[in-house]
Protein backbone atom coordinates (compact mmCIF):
# COMPACT_ATOMS: atom_id res chain seq x y z
CA UNK A 1 107.55 -11.10 29.53
CA UNK A 2 105.40 -11.59 32.40
CA UNK A 3 103.90 -8.23 31.93
CA UNK A 4 103.51 -8.91 28.27
CA UNK A 5 102.02 -12.22 28.97
CA UNK A 6 99.84 -10.71 31.60
CA UNK A 7 98.86 -7.95 29.20
CA UNK A 8 98.07 -10.34 26.46
CA UNK A 9 96.25 -12.46 28.88
CA UNK A 10 94.30 -9.48 30.18
CA UNK A 11 93.55 -8.32 26.70
CA UNK A 12 92.53 -11.76 25.83
CA UNK A 13 90.38 -11.92 28.92
CA UNK A 14 88.96 -8.55 28.06
CA UNK A 15 88.03 -9.79 24.61
CA UNK A 16 86.57 -12.93 26.07
CA UNK A 17 84.84 -11.03 28.80
CA UNK A 18 83.33 -8.77 26.18
CA UNK A 19 81.60 -11.61 24.37
CA UNK A 20 79.07 -12.18 27.05
CA UNK A 21 78.60 -8.44 27.19
CA UNK A 22 78.06 -8.32 23.46
CA UNK A 23 75.71 -11.20 23.77
CA UNK A 24 73.80 -9.42 26.50
CA UNK A 25 73.72 -6.26 24.39
CA UNK A 26 72.17 -8.13 21.49
CA UNK A 27 69.56 -9.66 23.75
CA UNK A 28 67.68 -6.44 24.61
CA UNK A 29 67.81 -5.28 20.90
CA UNK A 30 65.95 -8.41 19.77
CA UNK A 31 63.44 -7.92 22.57
CA UNK A 32 62.74 -4.39 21.42
CA UNK A 33 62.29 -5.58 17.82
CA UNK A 34 60.01 -8.41 18.90
CA UNK A 35 58.04 -6.00 21.01
CA UNK A 36 57.62 -3.68 18.01
CA UNK A 37 56.52 -6.55 15.82
CA UNK A 38 53.96 -7.52 18.42
CA UNK A 39 52.67 -3.97 18.58
CA UNK A 40 52.48 -3.90 14.77
CA UNK A 41 50.68 -7.24 14.77
CA UNK A 42 48.22 -5.98 17.36
CA UNK A 43 47.75 -2.79 15.36
CA UNK A 44 47.08 -4.78 12.18
CA UNK A 45 44.73 -7.08 14.07
CA UNK A 46 42.86 -4.10 15.52
CA UNK A 47 42.69 -2.51 12.08
CA UNK A 48 41.40 -5.76 10.63
CA UNK A 49 38.82 -6.02 13.38
CA UNK A 50 37.74 -2.44 12.78
CA UNK A 51 37.58 -3.08 9.02
CA UNK A 52 35.65 -6.30 9.54
CA UNK A 53 33.27 -4.55 11.89
CA UNK A 54 32.85 -1.82 9.30
CA UNK A 55 32.33 -4.42 6.60
CA UNK A 56 29.85 -6.20 8.83
CA UNK A 57 28.03 -2.96 9.42
CA UNK A 58 28.03 -2.27 5.69
CA UNK A 59 26.89 -5.81 4.90
CA UNK A 60 24.18 -5.64 7.55
CA UNK A 61 23.21 -2.18 6.36
CA UNK A 62 23.15 -3.39 2.75
CA UNK A 63 21.14 -6.44 3.75
CA UNK A 64 18.75 -4.26 5.68
CA UNK A 65 18.46 -1.92 2.70
CA UNK A 66 17.85 -4.87 0.36
CA UNK A 67 15.21 -6.33 2.67
CA UNK A 68 13.63 -2.92 3.12
CA UNK A 69 13.64 -2.35 -0.64
CA UNK A 70 12.16 -5.80 -1.25
CA UNK A 71 9.43 -5.18 1.31
CA UNK A 72 8.75 -1.78 -0.20
CA UNK A 73 8.56 -3.29 -3.69
CA UNK A 74 6.29 -6.03 -2.38
CA UNK A 75 4.03 -3.47 -0.72
CA UNK A 76 4.05 -1.37 -3.89
CA UNK A 77 3.23 -4.42 -6.03
CA UNK A 78 0.42 -5.37 -3.64
CA UNK A 79 -0.88 -1.80 -3.68
CA UNK A 80 -0.82 -1.70 -7.48
CA UNK A 81 -2.55 -5.09 -7.61
CA UNK A 82 -5.21 -3.86 -5.19
CA UNK A 83 -5.63 -0.67 -7.21
CA UNK A 84 -5.87 -2.63 -10.45
CA UNK A 85 -8.29 -5.12 -8.92
CA UNK A 86 -10.40 -2.31 -7.50
CA UNK A 87 -10.51 -0.76 -10.97
CA UNK A 88 -11.70 -4.02 -12.53
CA UNK A 89 -15.39 -4.51 -13.14
CA UNK A 90 -17.20 -7.33 -11.39
CA UNK A 91 -19.93 -9.55 -12.75
CA UNK A 92 -23.07 -10.25 -10.68
CA UNK A 93 -21.53 -13.64 -9.81
CA UNK A 94 -18.21 -12.27 -8.53
CA UNK A 95 -18.88 -12.92 -4.84
CA UNK A 96 -20.03 -16.44 -5.65
CA UNK A 97 -16.77 -17.17 -7.48
CA UNK A 98 -14.73 -15.98 -4.51
CA UNK A 99 -16.80 -18.05 -2.08
CA UNK A 100 -16.17 -21.13 -4.25
CA UNK A 101 -12.41 -20.64 -4.00
CA UNK A 102 -11.85 -19.40 -7.55
CA UNK A 103 -8.51 -17.90 -8.56
CA UNK A 104 -9.45 -14.52 -9.97
CA UNK A 105 -7.58 -12.80 -12.80
CA UNK A 106 -8.09 -9.67 -14.92
CA UNK A 107 -9.83 -10.44 -18.22
CA UNK A 108 -11.27 -7.89 -20.65
CA UNK A 109 -11.52 -5.34 -17.84
CA UNK A 110 -13.25 -7.73 -15.42
CA UNK A 111 -12.14 -9.70 -12.37
CA UNK A 112 -12.90 -13.21 -13.60
CA UNK A 113 -12.38 -16.80 -12.37
CA UNK A 114 -9.63 -18.54 -14.32
CA UNK A 115 -10.03 -21.78 -12.35
CA UNK A 116 -11.48 -23.30 -9.20
CA UNK A 117 -9.73 -25.63 -6.71
CA UNK A 118 -10.30 -28.69 -8.93
CA UNK A 119 -7.99 -27.21 -11.59
CA UNK A 120 -8.25 -26.59 -15.33
CA UNK A 121 -7.74 -30.21 -16.43
CA UNK A 122 -10.49 -31.63 -14.22
CA UNK A 123 -12.86 -28.77 -15.08
CA UNK A 124 -12.32 -29.40 -18.79
CA UNK A 125 -12.97 -33.15 -18.52
CA UNK A 126 -15.96 -32.60 -16.23
CA UNK A 127 -17.60 -30.41 -18.87
CA UNK A 128 -17.03 -33.04 -21.57
CA UNK A 129 -18.56 -35.74 -19.35
CA UNK A 130 -21.25 -33.96 -17.33
CA UNK A 131 -22.25 -30.27 -17.05
CA UNK A 132 -20.11 -27.20 -16.42
CA UNK A 133 -21.39 -23.80 -15.33
CA UNK A 134 -19.62 -20.76 -16.80
CA UNK A 135 -20.02 -17.08 -15.94
CA UNK A 136 -19.97 -15.17 -19.24
CA UNK A 137 -21.63 -12.05 -17.86
CA UNK A 138 -18.69 -9.94 -19.03
CA UNK A 139 -20.03 -10.33 -22.57
CA UNK A 140 -22.11 -7.48 -23.95
CA UNK A 141 -25.85 -8.05 -24.44
CA UNK A 142 -27.43 -5.58 -26.85
CA UNK A 143 -30.94 -5.12 -28.24
CA UNK A 144 -31.64 -3.53 -31.63
CA UNK A 145 -35.20 -2.33 -32.23
CA UNK A 146 -36.31 -0.53 -35.38
CA UNK A 147 -37.83 2.85 -34.59
CA UNK A 148 -40.53 1.89 -37.10
CA UNK A 149 -41.40 -1.11 -34.92
CA UNK A 150 -40.78 -3.51 -37.84
CA UNK A 151 -38.32 -6.37 -37.51
CA UNK A 152 -37.50 -6.12 -41.22
CA UNK A 153 -36.15 -2.60 -40.76
CA UNK A 154 -33.94 -3.68 -37.86
CA UNK A 155 -32.70 -6.68 -39.86
CA UNK A 156 -31.84 -4.63 -42.95
CA UNK A 157 -30.10 -2.04 -40.80
CA UNK A 158 -27.87 -4.67 -39.20
CA UNK A 159 -27.22 -6.28 -42.59
CA UNK A 160 -25.47 -3.06 -43.59
CA UNK A 161 -22.76 -3.93 -41.04
CA UNK A 162 -22.48 -7.73 -41.29
CA UNK A 163 -22.20 -10.19 -44.25
CA UNK A 164 -24.96 -12.32 -42.71
CA UNK A 165 -28.58 -13.01 -43.70
CA UNK A 166 -30.47 -11.33 -40.86
CA UNK A 167 -33.69 -10.75 -42.79
CA UNK A 168 -34.01 -14.49 -43.36
CA UNK A 169 -33.34 -15.38 -39.72
CA UNK A 170 -36.45 -17.09 -38.38
CA UNK A 171 -38.02 -15.92 -35.13
CA UNK A 172 -36.60 -17.56 -32.02
CA UNK A 173 -33.47 -18.56 -33.89
CA UNK A 174 -29.85 -17.52 -33.46
CA UNK A 175 -27.03 -17.06 -35.97
CA UNK A 176 -23.27 -16.49 -35.78
CA UNK A 177 -21.91 -13.38 -37.49
CA UNK A 178 -19.26 -10.66 -37.44
CA UNK A 179 -18.83 -6.94 -37.97
CA UNK A 180 -16.43 -6.15 -40.83
CA UNK A 181 -14.52 -3.02 -41.76
CA UNK A 182 -13.99 -1.41 -45.15
CA UNK A 183 -10.92 -3.58 -45.80
CA UNK A 184 -12.79 -6.79 -45.02
CA UNK A 185 -11.20 -7.23 -41.59
CA UNK A 186 -13.23 -8.54 -38.65
CA UNK A 187 -14.11 -5.92 -36.01
CA UNK A 188 -15.77 -8.46 -33.71
CA UNK A 189 -17.68 -11.73 -33.90
CA UNK A 190 -21.14 -12.01 -32.37
CA UNK A 191 -24.28 -14.07 -31.86
CA UNK A 192 -27.47 -12.62 -33.38
CA UNK A 193 -30.97 -13.62 -32.25
CA UNK A 194 -34.37 -12.78 -33.74
CA UNK A 195 -36.95 -12.74 -30.96
CA UNK A 196 -40.23 -10.91 -30.32
CA UNK A 197 -39.75 -8.60 -33.30
CA UNK A 198 -36.31 -7.29 -32.31
CA UNK A 199 -32.67 -8.37 -32.43
CA UNK A 200 -30.75 -9.58 -29.41
CA UNK A 201 -26.99 -9.52 -30.00
CA UNK A 202 -24.17 -10.87 -27.81
CA UNK A 203 -20.75 -9.30 -28.40
CA UNK A 204 -17.30 -9.86 -26.94
CA UNK A 205 -16.45 -8.21 -23.63
CA UNK A 206 -13.34 -6.41 -24.86
CA UNK A 207 -15.23 -4.99 -27.85
CA UNK A 208 -18.62 -4.12 -26.41
CA UNK A 209 -18.04 -0.38 -25.97
CA UNK A 210 -16.70 0.04 -29.49
CA UNK A 211 -19.43 -2.26 -30.86
CA UNK A 212 -22.11 -0.18 -29.17
CA UNK A 213 -20.65 3.00 -30.66
CA UNK A 214 -20.32 1.29 -34.06
CA UNK A 215 -24.02 0.39 -34.01
CA UNK A 216 -25.18 3.77 -32.76
CA UNK A 217 -23.04 5.66 -35.28
CA UNK A 218 -24.23 3.64 -38.27
CA UNK A 219 -27.82 2.59 -37.53
CA UNK A 220 -28.74 4.74 -34.53
CA UNK A 221 -30.97 6.99 -36.62
CA UNK A 222 -33.22 4.11 -37.68
CA UNK A 223 -32.82 1.82 -34.66
CA UNK A 224 -32.78 2.03 -30.90
CA UNK A 225 -29.58 0.35 -29.70
CA UNK A 226 -29.42 -0.57 -25.99
CA UNK A 227 -26.72 -2.22 -23.89
CA UNK A 228 -28.52 -4.35 -21.32
CA UNK A 229 -27.64 -4.77 -17.65
CA UNK A 230 -28.03 -8.55 -17.52
CA UNK A 231 -25.96 -11.54 -16.51
CA UNK A 232 -25.16 -14.40 -18.88
CA UNK A 233 -24.66 -17.95 -17.62
CA UNK A 234 -23.60 -20.89 -19.79
CA UNK A 235 -24.35 -24.50 -18.89
CA UNK A 236 -22.36 -26.82 -21.16
CA UNK A 237 -21.98 -30.57 -21.44
CA UNK A 238 -23.98 -33.75 -22.12
CA UNK A 239 -25.89 -33.50 -18.83
CA UNK A 240 -26.84 -29.83 -19.28
CA UNK A 241 -30.21 -30.56 -20.88
CA UNK A 242 -31.26 -32.95 -18.10
CA UNK A 243 -30.24 -30.47 -15.42
CA UNK A 244 -32.21 -27.60 -16.99
CA UNK A 245 -35.17 -29.85 -17.77
CA UNK A 246 -35.72 -30.14 -14.02
CA UNK A 247 -36.42 -26.38 -14.05
CA UNK A 248 -38.28 -26.22 -17.38
CA UNK A 249 -39.27 -29.47 -19.07
CA UNK A 250 -39.81 -27.98 -22.56
CA UNK A 251 -36.13 -27.09 -22.82
CA UNK A 252 -35.50 -30.65 -24.03
CA UNK A 253 -37.36 -29.87 -27.28
CA UNK A 254 -35.05 -27.03 -28.24
CA UNK A 255 -32.54 -27.66 -31.04
CA UNK A 256 -29.11 -26.18 -31.66
CA UNK A 257 -29.41 -22.38 -32.09
CA UNK A 258 -33.04 -22.30 -30.91
CA UNK A 259 -33.95 -19.47 -28.50
CA UNK A 260 -36.82 -19.36 -26.00
CA UNK A 261 -38.23 -17.04 -23.36
CA UNK A 262 -38.96 -19.10 -20.26
CA UNK A 263 -39.00 -19.11 -16.48
CA UNK A 264 -36.23 -20.91 -14.61
CA UNK A 265 -36.45 -21.09 -10.83
CA UNK A 266 -39.29 -18.55 -11.13
CA UNK A 267 -37.01 -16.09 -12.97
CA UNK A 268 -37.77 -14.78 -16.47
CA UNK A 269 -34.88 -15.80 -18.75
CA UNK A 270 -33.91 -15.83 -22.42
CA UNK A 271 -32.28 -19.18 -23.21
CA UNK A 272 -30.42 -20.28 -26.34
CA UNK A 273 -29.23 -23.80 -27.10
CA UNK A 274 -25.68 -22.84 -27.98
CA UNK A 275 -22.26 -22.41 -26.45
CA UNK A 276 -18.51 -22.14 -26.81
CA UNK A 277 -17.33 -25.61 -25.85
CA UNK A 278 -18.17 -27.98 -28.70
CA UNK A 279 -20.67 -29.66 -26.38
CA UNK A 280 -24.44 -29.53 -26.31
CA UNK A 281 -25.37 -26.73 -23.96
CA UNK A 282 -27.26 -23.55 -23.20
CA UNK A 283 -26.64 -19.87 -22.59
CA UNK A 284 -29.02 -18.16 -20.17
CA UNK A 285 -29.58 -14.39 -20.15
CA UNK A 286 -30.92 -13.46 -16.73
CA UNK A 287 -31.56 -10.20 -14.80
CA UNK A 288 -28.38 -9.28 -12.90
CA UNK A 289 -30.07 -9.32 -9.51
CA UNK A 290 -31.30 -12.88 -10.07
CA UNK A 291 -28.10 -14.35 -11.50
CA UNK A 292 -26.71 -15.69 -8.23
CA UNK A 293 -30.02 -17.38 -7.38
CA UNK A 294 -30.02 -19.19 -10.73
CA UNK A 295 -26.34 -20.13 -10.50
CA UNK A 296 -26.68 -21.50 -6.95
CA UNK A 297 -29.76 -23.47 -7.94
CA UNK A 298 -27.87 -25.07 -10.84
CA UNK A 299 -24.78 -25.77 -8.71
CA UNK A 300 -26.93 -27.68 -6.23
CA UNK A 301 -27.25 -30.40 -8.86
CA UNK A 302 -24.59 -33.12 -8.41
CA UNK A 303 -23.85 -33.14 -12.15
CA UNK A 304 -22.89 -29.44 -12.22
CA UNK A 305 -19.52 -27.93 -11.33
CA UNK A 306 -18.26 -24.34 -11.78
CA UNK A 307 -15.79 -23.92 -14.64
CA UNK A 308 -13.27 -21.11 -15.14
CA UNK A 309 -11.77 -19.29 -18.11
CA UNK A 310 -8.85 -21.72 -18.35
CA UNK A 311 -11.02 -24.71 -19.19
CA UNK A 312 -13.29 -22.55 -21.33
CA UNK A 313 -10.27 -21.77 -23.51
CA UNK A 314 -9.09 -25.38 -23.85
CA UNK A 315 -12.65 -26.53 -24.61
CA UNK A 316 -13.14 -23.98 -27.39
CA UNK A 317 -9.67 -24.72 -28.80
CA UNK A 318 -10.45 -28.44 -29.11
CA UNK A 319 -13.73 -27.44 -30.78
CA UNK A 320 -11.85 -25.28 -33.30
CA UNK A 321 -13.70 -22.12 -32.25
CA UNK A 322 -12.09 -18.72 -32.74
CA UNK A 323 -11.10 -16.36 -29.94
CA UNK A 324 -11.41 -12.77 -31.09
CA UNK A 325 -8.11 -10.94 -30.73
CA UNK A 326 -6.16 -14.18 -31.18
CA UNK A 327 -7.51 -16.16 -34.12
CA UNK A 328 -9.42 -13.37 -35.83
CA UNK A 329 -9.14 -9.59 -35.78
CA UNK A 330 -9.05 -6.60 -38.13
CA UNK A 331 -6.08 -8.08 -39.99
CA UNK A 332 -8.03 -11.22 -40.94
CA UNK A 333 -10.99 -11.58 -43.27
CA UNK A 334 -13.79 -14.13 -42.72
CA UNK A 335 -12.45 -16.21 -45.62
CA UNK A 336 -8.90 -16.27 -44.26
CA UNK A 337 -10.39 -17.25 -40.90
CA UNK A 338 -12.25 -20.21 -42.52
CA UNK A 339 -15.58 -18.64 -41.53
CA UNK A 340 -17.22 -18.53 -44.97
CA UNK A 341 -19.85 -20.99 -43.68
CA UNK A 342 -21.33 -18.05 -41.72
CA UNK A 343 -22.05 -16.07 -44.91
CA UNK A 344 -25.43 -17.19 -46.24
CA UNK A 345 -26.37 -17.48 -49.91
CA UNK A 346 -28.47 -14.31 -49.86
CA UNK A 347 -25.35 -12.20 -49.14
CA UNK A 348 -22.98 -13.94 -51.57
CA UNK A 349 -22.35 -13.01 -55.19
CA UNK A 350 -25.61 -13.49 -57.10
CA UNK A 351 -27.67 -13.62 -53.91
CA UNK A 352 -30.86 -11.66 -53.23
CA UNK A 353 -28.99 -9.03 -51.18
CA UNK A 354 -25.41 -9.53 -52.29
CA UNK A 355 -22.84 -7.16 -50.83
CA UNK A 356 -23.93 -4.00 -49.10
CA UNK A 357 -21.69 -4.56 -46.06
CA UNK A 358 -18.24 -3.11 -45.25
CA UNK A 359 -15.41 -4.83 -47.12
CA UNK A 360 -17.82 -6.62 -49.46
CA UNK A 361 -15.57 -6.29 -52.51
CA UNK A 362 -12.65 -8.07 -50.87
CA UNK A 363 -14.71 -10.62 -48.94
CA UNK A 364 -16.82 -11.66 -51.93
CA UNK A 365 -13.70 -11.66 -54.11
CA UNK A 366 -11.99 -14.07 -51.72
CA UNK A 367 -15.17 -16.13 -51.44
CA UNK A 368 -15.19 -16.58 -55.22
CA UNK A 369 -11.47 -16.64 -55.98
CA UNK A 370 -9.78 -17.82 -52.80
CA UNK A 371 -7.19 -16.20 -50.57
CA UNK A 372 -3.47 -16.49 -49.95
CA UNK A 373 -3.66 -17.86 -46.38
CA UNK A 374 -6.06 -19.80 -44.17
CA UNK A 375 -6.66 -20.69 -40.55
CA UNK A 376 -5.93 -24.37 -39.94
CA UNK A 377 -5.69 -26.85 -37.09
CA UNK A 378 -2.21 -27.85 -35.97
CA UNK A 379 -1.05 -30.93 -34.05
CA UNK A 380 2.47 -30.66 -32.60
CA UNK A 381 4.52 -33.86 -32.31
CA UNK A 382 5.27 -34.97 -28.75
CA UNK A 383 3.77 -33.55 -25.57
CA UNK A 384 5.13 -29.99 -25.64
CA UNK A 385 2.37 -27.44 -26.44
CA UNK A 386 2.96 -24.74 -29.02
CA UNK A 387 1.62 -21.40 -27.81
CA UNK A 388 0.18 -18.40 -29.61
CA UNK A 389 2.61 -16.16 -31.52
CA UNK A 390 4.99 -19.06 -32.25
CA UNK A 391 6.36 -18.62 -35.78
CA UNK A 392 5.71 -21.33 -38.38
CA UNK A 393 8.30 -22.38 -40.97
CA UNK A 394 8.32 -24.49 -44.10
CA UNK A 395 11.60 -26.19 -43.12
CA UNK A 396 13.16 -27.73 -40.02
CA UNK A 397 16.03 -25.21 -40.12
CA UNK A 398 13.75 -22.19 -39.75
CA UNK A 399 14.86 -20.54 -42.98
CA UNK A 400 11.45 -19.88 -44.57
CA UNK A 401 8.83 -18.31 -42.31
CA UNK A 402 5.30 -19.03 -43.54
CA UNK A 403 2.86 -18.23 -40.73
CA UNK A 404 2.07 -17.99 -37.05
CA UNK A 405 0.25 -19.89 -34.32
CA UNK A 406 -2.73 -17.93 -32.98
CA UNK A 407 -3.98 -20.29 -30.24
CA UNK A 408 -2.29 -23.27 -28.65
CA UNK A 409 -2.21 -25.47 -25.59
CA UNK A 410 -2.80 -28.97 -24.30
CA UNK A 411 -6.07 -30.65 -25.26
CA UNK A 412 -7.17 -32.77 -22.28
CA UNK A 413 -9.85 -34.62 -24.28
CA UNK A 414 -7.52 -35.54 -27.15
CA UNK A 415 -4.61 -36.07 -24.73
CA UNK A 416 -2.16 -34.12 -26.85
CA UNK A 417 -1.15 -30.56 -27.70
CA UNK A 418 -3.38 -28.77 -30.20
CA UNK A 419 -3.19 -25.38 -31.86
CA UNK A 420 -4.58 -23.17 -34.60
CA UNK A 421 -2.77 -20.78 -36.86
CA UNK A 422 -2.42 -19.29 -40.32
CA UNK A 423 -0.44 -20.80 -43.20
CA UNK A 424 -0.32 -20.16 -46.97
CA UNK A 425 -2.99 -22.02 -48.93
CA UNK A 426 -0.29 -24.34 -50.36
CA UNK A 427 0.24 -25.69 -46.83
CA UNK A 428 -3.40 -26.17 -45.77
CA UNK A 429 -3.89 -29.83 -46.78
CA UNK A 430 -4.34 -32.08 -43.70
CA UNK A 431 -1.18 -34.09 -43.09
CA UNK A 432 1.17 -31.34 -44.27
CA UNK A 433 4.19 -30.90 -41.99
CA UNK A 434 5.33 -27.45 -40.95
CA UNK A 435 7.67 -26.40 -38.13
CA UNK A 436 7.00 -24.23 -35.11
CA UNK A 437 9.74 -22.31 -33.34
CA UNK A 438 9.63 -23.11 -29.61
CA UNK A 439 12.45 -21.86 -27.37
CA UNK A 440 14.93 -21.76 -30.22
CA UNK A 441 14.06 -25.20 -31.57
CA UNK A 442 11.97 -26.12 -34.60
CA UNK A 443 9.28 -28.67 -33.73
CA UNK A 444 7.39 -30.64 -36.36
CA UNK A 445 3.69 -29.74 -36.50
CA UNK A 446 1.08 -31.50 -38.63
CA UNK A 447 -1.72 -29.55 -40.29
CA UNK A 448 -5.06 -30.99 -39.13
CA UNK A 449 -8.71 -30.61 -40.01
CA UNK A 450 -10.85 -28.71 -37.50
CA UNK A 451 -12.36 -29.38 -35.02
CA UNK A 452 -10.14 -31.71 -33.00
CA UNK A 453 -13.17 -33.28 -31.29
CA UNK A 454 -16.57 -34.20 -32.71
CA UNK A 455 -19.17 -31.61 -31.63
CA UNK A 456 -22.27 -32.92 -29.88
CA UNK A 457 -24.72 -30.16 -30.84
CA UNK A 458 -28.35 -31.27 -31.03
CA UNK A 459 -29.42 -30.66 -34.61
């Protein structure tokens, strides 16, 4: 019994004594597992660090590549701009514009001032109130002289290309006109002067090469056609006459569309009382090498400020004057463009020299019987301007398209948006409402008589 008891007791002790041993055995196993987990955690952390470093390198590399690409694109853009600018022609007043702080832009193949530091709005209003100086030397200046030496022969030759009375144009007078094609479309609009037995013609910059070829191809056998190397300066505004009178007193006696040869600042010039602003003003043809002298002399006057293309455009828009390529082109006839006033009686049906110009059948037919569409003035409601190419609709839902805006912007003098465009003749009555599509919305626009401002030409 004792032995049994002792045995049981020993066995019991052995079992009890084993528990701490078992406990101790489990202790090192957990330590090994914890140690492995730590190593795995460290490994994952190291992997994450390596991945993050790799990502960082990739991000930095990508950023560097993006920055490098942006810089390269910027350099390429600058290089192209410099190349394009270098390829642009420059007027004799180019350096003067730059010295006056003008912002230069490409226009009709020339590097031209779009505005000066004062800004378009102030330049526009200055011209309406005082006198603005414009560089229009990019325009083409052409002489047409009959090889016979007779003005009549030069006039009749040009009449074969324009529906305008050139033969009846008095000496030292100017007249607006346009070249037409066989379909009655307008190839270009121009100013025609009769002076000293020859014709002096000013054409648009973008068209001057084709106009020169057009003249040489059609009347070159009977006339000498020459593109002149001269500058053209416009001085526009109510103070223009007083400013120029300080250089040549007789200029005050000129009337609208008169032309005179004179000396300004001791420079021989050809001056017309005309312009493209709706204001009284003058255009001065001057030798290229003397242009800067004349311009600087005029700018010395406190009433004169330089004016850029931006204000020139808003001024002519308020005056209801066409911009070739926008408001008129080969797809428009003079009658559609509301320019029938420029066709004199002698060239109309029943006139002394009716027809005889390209597109005469259609143009005279429209003159006598009307046309299906017309250029009109447009006044958008509100302050948002309606720009060129905006579609015009008969309804506010934009279901029936009827025309298109050809010029549009804000009119500083009338303090509201103004525009011009083409609509069917049924919609041409002033006060008619049409709708212009602007950024997906249809804005009410009222048809208006042209011009938007009262011209101040000296008749």
